């Protein structure tokens, strides 16, 4: 068929189909745009799948959101990993990892960004380690407002600087709409153990005093109130805070700490149960000695919750020799967030693995792990 006849036929077919794209069909030169996907808008105000594709939009996200909030020398190399200095002689490394899926993302006293930093640096501090470096991975859901991500990352950077750590490497992935609940953050941390003490459950001994750094239950109740739209007479704020300043003060004073544990999921009860089992000792707690703020106590009574099992993000227990307990409490009173600290119990030789609580009426009962979730999605 002659070329002119082919063009005439294409025009006729296009007219019969509603006249769409007549000019394009009559042009013998292929149009590249007709065979490519439309490029996403680079200045979108929401996370798109292309933000996780490793291309231009990924780089724009890094330059606009992450680099300004986390900037440091290691991150500025823009390499696949961070080259970290070797610790001084005699200094051991501590390494930990954590994931954060809290809902809602923002709550009184903090957000998922501050939680990610404090949760990881506090795990290092419980090993007696000075927090030094963090990595951070973000799982973003398509449709997440970019302003929300910027707010989280900004507070995360501020929390890291306040805690004296640098976020030196990370990653970002995007999942399709409806598959990510907005935003998840996964972190890992490295710290330097500059003490010769072995701070671990295995070091706990019968006769040790059990010290609590401050009142309990704030974080879990703040999350629950925000998520469920509950309003209490006295607002409850999360206790989310870094714990290393209190730990390093105890170390500097020569307190012989045998074990430290931050009271996150499962609260005070679960933490002491875990330590009793790991150390092969018995732990006896006194309910009257455990500090609980009146707003938290009242909210727990209304909702039928036990504050001993409610999560915290800025509280810890310390196991120290009984002779050093008073001195340690003096230090915690000056340095630990929240407060006042309290001596809440002691360690006994047995029965091994058992934790008990003496109630306000003098009855002693055995504490056990929860069989289910008391407060879901609190970290």
Foldseek 3Di string as FASTA:
>chain_A
DDLVVLLVVQLVVCVVVVVPPNVQSSDPDDDVVVVDDDDDDLPDQWDAQVCAVPDDSVVVLCVPAQCVLQPDDLQVVVDQFGDDDDDDPPKDKDKDKDKAQFPPQDWFAGGRLLLQQQQALQVQVQQQFQWEEKEKEKEAETGQGPVVSNVSSNVNSVNCVVSNYGHNYYHYHYDYHPPRNGMMMMMMTMTIRPDPAGAALQQFDFQWFKKKLAAFQQLQVRSVCVRVVNDDPDHGHALADHFNQLSVLCVVVVFRWRGKDAAFAQAQLVVVLVSLQVNQWEKEFEPVFHHHDPRRVVVCVVVVHDRRGHGHNQMMMTTTRPVCVVVSQVSSCVGGGHDNMTGTTGIHHDPGSWYWYQYPVGDIDTGDGDPDGPGPRSD
